[in-house]
Amino acid sequence: MAAIDKKILEILVCPVTKSPLRYDKSANELISDQAGLAFPIRDGIPVMLIEEARELAETEKKKK
């Protein structure tokens, strides 16, 4: 599981809220805290489809 390129992370935004994403290395996902969604990274490619995202559990949501 390779880390995502920081330049890619700077460019990508949540397709729902257009807010920045954070990388969760342990789950290999891009997290949208505003939308409460986690987008998977498969074979090094972020899958930014809403129907492929999973909802974050309350315990996973970042405290503001």
PDB file of N, CA and C in Angstrom:
ATOM      1  N   MET A   1       0.852  -1.172   0.000  1.00  0.00           N
ATOM      2  CA  MET A   1       0.000   0.000   0.000  1.00  0.00           C
ATOM      3  C   MET A   1       0.901   1.240   0.000  1.00  0.00           C
ATOM      4  N   ALA A   2       0.983   1.909  -1.104  1.00  0.00           N
ATOM      5  CA  ALA A   2       1.823   3.094  -1.226  1.00  0.00           C
ATOM      6  C   ALA A   2       1.048   4.338  -0.821  1.00  0.00           C
ATOM      7  N   ALA A   3       1.770   5.291  -0.245  1.00  0.00           N
ATOM      8  CA  ALA A   3       1.139   6.555   0.141  1.00  0.00           C
ATOM      9  C   ALA A   3       0.733   7.315  -1.111  1.00  0.00           C
ATOM     10  N   ILE A   4      -0.317   8.088  -0.967  1.00  0.00           N
ATOM     11  CA  ILE A   4      -0.784   8.880  -2.101  1.00  0.00           C
ATOM     12  C   ILE A   4       0.126  10.097  -2.281  1.00  0.00           C
ATOM     13  N   ASP A   5       0.363  10.469  -3.511  1.00  0.00           N
ATOM     14  CA  ASP A   5       1.201  11.619  -3.825  1.00  0.00           C
ATOM     15  C   ASP A   5       0.580  12.883  -3.237  1.00  0.00           C
ATOM     16  N   LYS A   6       1.388  13.670  -2.547  1.00  0.00           N
ATOM     17  CA  LYS A   6       0.883  14.890  -1.894  1.00  0.00           C
ATOM     18  C   LYS A   6       0.320  15.896  -2.903  1.00  0.00           C
ATOM     19  N   LYS A   7       0.878  15.935  -4.097  1.00  0.00           N
ATOM     20  CA  LYS A   7       0.373  16.857  -5.121  1.00  0.00           C
ATOM     21  C   LYS A   7      -1.043  16.472  -5.549  1.00  0.00           C
ATOM     22  N   ILE A   8      -1.295  15.169  -5.640  1.00  0.00           N
ATOM     23  CA  ILE A   8      -2.645  14.692  -5.979  1.00  0.00           C
ATOM     24  C   ILE A   8      -3.616  15.092  -4.874  1.00  0.00           C
ATOM     25  N   LEU A   9      -3.196  14.908  -3.636  1.00  0.00           N
ATOM     26  CA  LEU A   9      -4.042  15.237  -2.494  1.00  0.00           C
ATOM     27  C   LEU A   9      -4.375  16.734  -2.455  1.00  0.00           C
ATOM     28  N   GLU A  10      -3.453  17.570  -2.894  1.00  0.00           N
ATOM     29  CA  GLU A  10      -3.702  19.013  -2.940  1.00  0.00           C
ATOM     30  C   GLU A  10      -4.728  19.381  -4.006  1.00  0.00           C
ATOM     31  N   ILE A  11      -4.793  18.593  -5.075  1.00  0.00           N
ATOM     32  CA  ILE A  11      -5.688  18.887  -6.196  1.00  0.00           C
ATOM     33  C   ILE A  11      -7.093  18.340  -5.975  1.00  0.00           C
ATOM     34  N   LEU A  12      -7.177  17.119  -5.448  1.00  0.00           N
ATOM     35  CA  LEU A  12      -8.478  16.467  -5.283  1.00  0.00           C
ATOM     36  C   LEU A  12      -9.316  17.137  -4.203  1.00  0.00           C
ATOM     37  N   VAL A  13     -10.610  17.212  -4.453  1.00  0.00           N
ATOM     38  CA  VAL A  13     -11.564  17.712  -3.465  1.00  0.00           C
ATOM     39  C   VAL A  13     -12.744  16.755  -3.405  1.00  0.00           C
ATOM     40  N   CYS A  14     -13.518  16.862  -2.367  1.00  0.00           N
ATOM     41  CA  CYS A  14     -14.707  16.030  -2.225  1.00  0.00           C
ATOM     42  C   CYS A  14     -15.679  16.352  -3.359  1.00  0.00           C
ATOM     43  N   PRO A  15     -16.196  15.353  -4.046  1.00  0.00           N
ATOM     44  CA  PRO A  15     -17.150  15.614  -5.132  1.00  0.00           C
ATOM     45  C   PRO A  15     -18.507  16.116  -4.622  1.00  0.00           C
ATOM     46  N   VAL A  16     -18.781  15.970  -3.342  1.00  0.00           N
ATOM     47  CA  VAL A  16     -20.049  16.417  -2.772  1.00  0.00           C
ATOM     48  C   VAL A  16     -19.951  17.863  -2.288  1.00  0.00           C
ATOM     49  N   THR A  17     -18.931  18.148  -1.470  1.00  0.00           N
ATOM     50  CA  THR A  17     -18.832  19.459  -0.816  1.00  0.00           C
ATOM     51  C   THR A  17     -17.771  20.371  -1.419  1.00  0.00           C
ATOM     52  N   LYS A  18     -16.908  19.824  -2.245  1.00  0.00           N
ATOM     53  CA  LYS A  18     -15.769  20.549  -2.844  1.00  0.00           C
ATOM     54  C   LYS A  18     -14.755  20.979  -1.784  1.00  0.00           C
ATOM     55  N   SER A  19     -14.781  20.315  -0.639  1.00  0.00           N
ATOM     56  CA  SER A  19     -13.854  20.614   0.450  1.00  0.00           C
ATOM     57  C   SER A  19     -12.601  19.745   0.330  1.00  0.00           C
ATOM     58  N   PRO A  20     -11.518  20.145   1.006  1.00  0.00           N
ATOM     59  CA  PRO A  20     -10.291  19.345   0.967  1.00  0.00           C
ATOM     60  C   PRO A  20     -10.503  17.955   1.572  1.00  0.00           C
ATOM     61  N   LEU A  21      -9.635  17.046   1.178  1.00  0.00           N
ATOM     62  CA  LEU A  21      -9.682  15.675   1.675  1.00  0.00           C
ATOM     63  C   LEU A  21      -8.441  15.417   2.518  1.00  0.00           C
ATOM     64  N   ARG A  22      -8.545  14.454   3.424  1.00  0.00           N
ATOM     65  CA  ARG A  22      -7.361  14.021   4.163  1.00  0.00           C
ATOM     66  C   ARG A  22      -7.145  12.541   3.883  1.00  0.00           C
ATOM     67  N   TYR A  23      -5.898  12.152   3.930  1.00  0.00           N
ATOM     68  CA  TYR A  23      -5.517  10.776   3.618  1.00  0.00           C
ATOM     69  C   TYR A  23      -5.453   9.959   4.894  1.00  0.00           C
ATOM     70  N   ASP A  24      -6.151   8.850   4.919  1.00  0.00           N
ATOM     71  CA  ASP A  24      -6.096   7.902   6.023  1.00  0.00           C
ATOM     72  C   ASP A  24      -5.249   6.721   5.553  1.00  0.00           C
ATOM     73  N   LYS A  25      -3.998   6.714   5.975  1.00  0.00           N
ATOM     74  CA  LYS A  25      -3.051   5.701   5.512  1.00  0.00           C
ATOM     75  C   LYS A  25      -3.465   4.299   5.953  1.00  0.00           C
ATOM     76  N   SER A  26      -3.946   4.155   7.187  1.00  0.00           N
ATOM     77  CA  SER A  26      -4.282   2.823   7.699  1.00  0.00           C
ATOM     78  C   SER A  26      -5.436   2.175   6.934  1.00  0.00           C
ATOM     79  N   ALA A  27      -6.392   2.984   6.478  1.00  0.00           N
ATOM     80  CA  ALA A  27      -7.544   2.453   5.732  1.00  0.00           C
ATOM     81  C   ALA A  27      -7.356   2.594   4.223  1.00  0.00           C
ATOM     82  N   ASN A  28      -6.310   3.316   3.806  1.00  0.00           N
ATOM     83  CA  ASN A  28      -6.056   3.596   2.393  1.00  0.00           C
ATOM     84  C   ASN A  28      -7.276   4.250   1.741  1.00  0.00           C
ATOM     85  N   GLU A  29      -7.718   5.346   2.370  1.00  0.00           N
ATOM     86  CA  GLU A  29      -8.894   6.077   1.901  1.00  0.00           C
ATOM     87  C   GLU A  29      -8.635   7.571   1.960  1.00  0.00           C
ATOM     88  N   LEU A  30      -9.402   8.293   1.151  1.00  0.00           N
ATOM     89  CA  LEU A  30      -9.436   9.748   1.238  1.00  0.00           C
ATOM     90  C   LEU A  30     -10.709  10.111   1.976  1.00  0.00           C
ATOM     91  N   ILE A  31     -10.578  10.930   3.011  1.00  0.00           N
ATOM     92  CA  ILE A  31     -11.685  11.250   3.894  1.00  0.00           C
ATOM     93  C   ILE A  31     -12.175  12.670   3.649  1.00  0.00           C
ATOM     94  N   SER A  32     -13.491  12.792   3.494  1.00  0.00           N
ATOM     95  CA  SER A  32     -14.144  14.095   3.445  1.00  0.00           C
ATOM     96  C   SER A  32     -14.860  14.270   4.780  1.00  0.00           C
ATOM     97  N   ASP A  33     -14.271  15.082   5.652  1.00  0.00           N
ATOM     98  CA  ASP A  33     -14.880  15.312   6.971  1.00  0.00           C
ATOM     99  C   ASP A  33     -16.203  16.051   6.846  1.00  0.00           C
ATOM    100  N   GLN A  34     -16.293  16.985   5.908  1.00  0.00           N
ATOM    101  CA  GLN A  34     -17.534  17.748   5.756  1.00  0.00           C
ATOM    102  C   GLN A  34     -18.686  16.883   5.278  1.00  0.00           C
ATOM    103  N   ALA A  35     -18.423  15.957   4.364  1.00  0.00           N
ATOM    104  CA  ALA A  35     -19.480  15.087   3.839  1.00  0.00           C
ATOM    105  C   ALA A  35     -19.656  13.830   4.686  1.00  0.00           C
ATOM    106  N   GLY A  36     -18.666  13.520   5.524  1.00  0.00           N
ATOM    107  CA  GLY A  36     -18.738  12.308   6.316  1.00  0.00           C
ATOM    108  C   GLY A  36     -18.580  11.055   5.473  1.00  0.00           C
ATOM    109  N   LEU A  37     -17.742  11.155   4.430  1.00  0.00           N
ATOM    110  CA  LEU A  37     -17.547  10.040   3.501  1.00  0.00           C
ATOM    111  C   LEU A  37     -16.072   9.666   3.395  1.00  0.00           C
ATOM    112  N   ALA A  38     -15.836   8.395   3.091  1.00  0.00           N
ATOM    113  CA  ALA A  38     -14.489   7.890   2.850  1.00  0.00           C
ATOM    114  C   ALA A  38     -14.448   7.302   1.448  1.00  0.00           C
ATOM    115  N   PHE A  39     -13.530   7.798   0.636  1.00  0.00           N
ATOM    116  CA  PHE A  39     -13.382   7.337  -0.743  1.00  0.00           C
ATOM    117  C   PHE A  39     -12.199   6.374  -0.824  1.00  0.00           C
ATOM    118  N   PRO A  40     -12.405   5.191  -1.388  1.00  0.00           N
ATOM    119  CA  PRO A  40     -11.325   4.195  -1.426  1.00  0.00           C
ATOM    120  C   PRO A  40     -10.242   4.556  -2.436  1.00  0.00           C
ATOM    121  N   ILE A  41      -9.072   4.005  -2.197  1.00  0.00           N
ATOM    122  CA  ILE A  41      -7.967   4.095  -3.153  1.00  0.00           C
ATOM    123  C   ILE A  41      -7.674   2.662  -3.579  1.00  0.00           C
ATOM    124  N   ARG A  42      -7.842   2.399  -4.857  1.00  0.00           N
ATOM    125  CA  ARG A  42      -7.639   1.049  -5.385  1.00  0.00           C
ATOM    126  C   ARG A  42      -6.497   1.059  -6.398  1.00  0.00           C
ATOM    127  N   ASP A  43      -5.535   0.202  -6.173  1.00  0.00           N
ATOM    128  CA  ASP A  43      -4.356   0.117  -7.053  1.00  0.00           C
ATOM    129  C   ASP A  43      -3.705   1.481  -7.230  1.00  0.00           C
ATOM    130  N   GLY A  44      -3.694   2.269  -6.152  1.00  0.00           N
ATOM    131  CA  GLY A  44      -3.057   3.581  -6.184  1.00  0.00           C
ATOM    132  C   GLY A  44      -3.901   4.676  -6.812  1.00  0.00           C
ATOM    133  N   ILE A  45      -5.140   4.361  -7.184  1.00  0.00           N
ATOM    134  CA  ILE A  45      -6.008   5.339  -7.850  1.00  0.00           C
ATOM    135  C   ILE A  45      -7.199   5.669  -6.956  1.00  0.00           C
ATOM    136  N   PRO A  46      -7.367   6.954  -6.601  1.00  0.00           N
ATOM    137  CA  PRO A  46      -8.527   7.340  -5.792  1.00  0.00           C
ATOM    138  C   PRO A  46      -9.822   7.151  -6.588  1.00  0.00           C
ATOM    139  N   VAL A  47     -10.789   6.503  -5.977  1.00  0.00           N
ATOM    140  CA  VAL A  47     -12.095   6.293  -6.600  1.00  0.00           C
ATOM    141  C   VAL A  47     -13.030   7.353  -6.009  1.00  0.00           C
ATOM    142  N   MET A  48     -13.295   8.394  -6.781  1.00  0.00           N
ATOM    143  CA  MET A  48     -14.024   9.553  -6.283  1.00  0.00           C
ATOM    144  C   MET A  48     -15.505   9.518  -6.647  1.00  0.00           C
ATOM    145  N   LEU A  49     -16.055   8.329  -6.789  1.00  0.00           N
ATOM    146  CA  LEU A  49     -17.472   8.174  -7.095  1.00  0.00           C
ATOM    147  C   LEU A  49     -18.260   8.104  -5.790  1.00  0.00           C
ATOM    148  N   ILE A  50     -19.318   8.886  -5.701  1.00  0.00           N
ATOM    149  CA  ILE A  50     -20.122   8.938  -4.481  1.00  0.00           C
ATOM    150  C   ILE A  50     -20.680   7.559  -4.150  1.00  0.00           C
ATOM    151  N   GLU A  51     -21.096   6.814  -5.163  1.00  0.00           N
ATOM    152  CA  GLU A  51     -21.669   5.491  -4.912  1.00  0.00           C
ATOM    153  C   GLU A  51     -20.628   4.470  -4.424  1.00  0.00           C
ATOM    154  N   GLU A  52     -19.349   4.767  -4.579  1.00  0.00           N
ATOM    155  CA  GLU A  52     -18.280   3.884  -4.090  1.00  0.00           C
ATOM    156  C   GLU A  52     -17.805   4.277  -2.689  1.00  0.00           C
ATOM    157  N   ALA A  53     -18.198   5.450  -2.230  1.00  0.00           N
ATOM    158  CA  ALA A  53     -17.767   5.936  -0.914  1.00  0.00           C
ATOM    159  C   ALA A  53     -18.560   5.245   0.186  1.00  0.00           C
ATOM    160  N   ARG A  54     -17.965   5.209   1.361  1.00  0.00           N
ATOM    161  CA  ARG A  54     -18.691   4.681   2.516  1.00  0.00           C
ATOM    162  C   ARG A  54     -18.882   5.817   3.516  1.00  0.00           C
ATOM    163  N   GLU A  55     -19.963   5.724   4.272  1.00  0.00           N
ATOM    164  CA  GLU A  55     -20.227   6.729   5.298  1.00  0.00           C
ATOM    165  C   GLU A  55     -19.326   6.471   6.489  1.00  0.00           C
ATOM    166  N   LEU A  56     -18.824   7.551   7.054  1.00  0.00           N
ATOM    167  CA  LEU A  56     -17.989   7.437   8.245  1.00  0.00           C
ATOM    168  C   LEU A  56     -18.852   7.156   9.464  1.00  0.00           C
ATOM    169  N   ALA A  57     -18.360   6.296  10.327  1.00  0.00           N
ATOM    170  CA  ALA A  57     -19.008   6.072  11.608  1.00  0.00           C
ATOM    171  C   ALA A  57     -18.749   7.286  12.499  1.00  0.00           C
ATOM    172  N   GLU A  58     -19.587   7.502  13.474  1.00  0.00           N
ATOM    173  CA  GLU A  58     -19.412   8.649  14.384  1.00  0.00           C
ATOM    174  C   GLU A  58     -18.019   8.656  15.006  1.00  0.00           C
ATOM    175  N   THR A  59     -17.489   7.491  15.314  1.00  0.00           N
ATOM    176  CA  THR A  59     -16.173   7.408  15.949  1.00  0.00           C
ATOM    177  C   THR A  59     -15.044   7.785  14.998  1.00  0.00           C
ATOM    178  N   GLU A  60     -15.307   7.766  13.693  1.00  0.00           N
ATOM    179  CA  GLU A  60     -14.287   8.102  12.696  1.00  0.00           C
ATOM    180  C   GLU A  60     -14.281   9.578  12.338  1.00  0.00           C
ATOM    181  N   LYS A  61     -15.348  10.255  12.654  1.00  0.00           N
ATOM    182  CA  LYS A  61     -15.450  11.662  12.264  1.00  0.00           C
ATOM    183  C   LYS A  61     -14.484  12.499  13.086  1.00  0.00           C
ATOM    184  N   LYS A  62     -13.800  13.379  12.379  1.00  0.00           N
ATOM    185  CA  LYS A  62     -12.792  14.239  12.998  1.00  0.00           C
ATOM    186  C   LYS A  62     -13.493  15.308  13.822  1.00  0.00           C
ATOM    187  N   LYS A  63     -13.017  15.492  15.013  1.00  0.00           N
ATOM    188  CA  LYS A  63     -13.572  16.537  15.890  1.00  0.00           C
ATOM    189  C   LYS A  63     -13.135  17.899  15.395  1.00  0.00           C
ATOM    190  N   LYS A  64     -14.088  18.828  15.343  1.00  0.00           N
ATOM    191  CA  LYS A  64     -13.774  20.164  14.834  1.00  0.00           C
ATOM    192  C   LYS A  64     -13.447  21.114  15.948  1.00  0.00           C
TER     193      LYS A  64
END
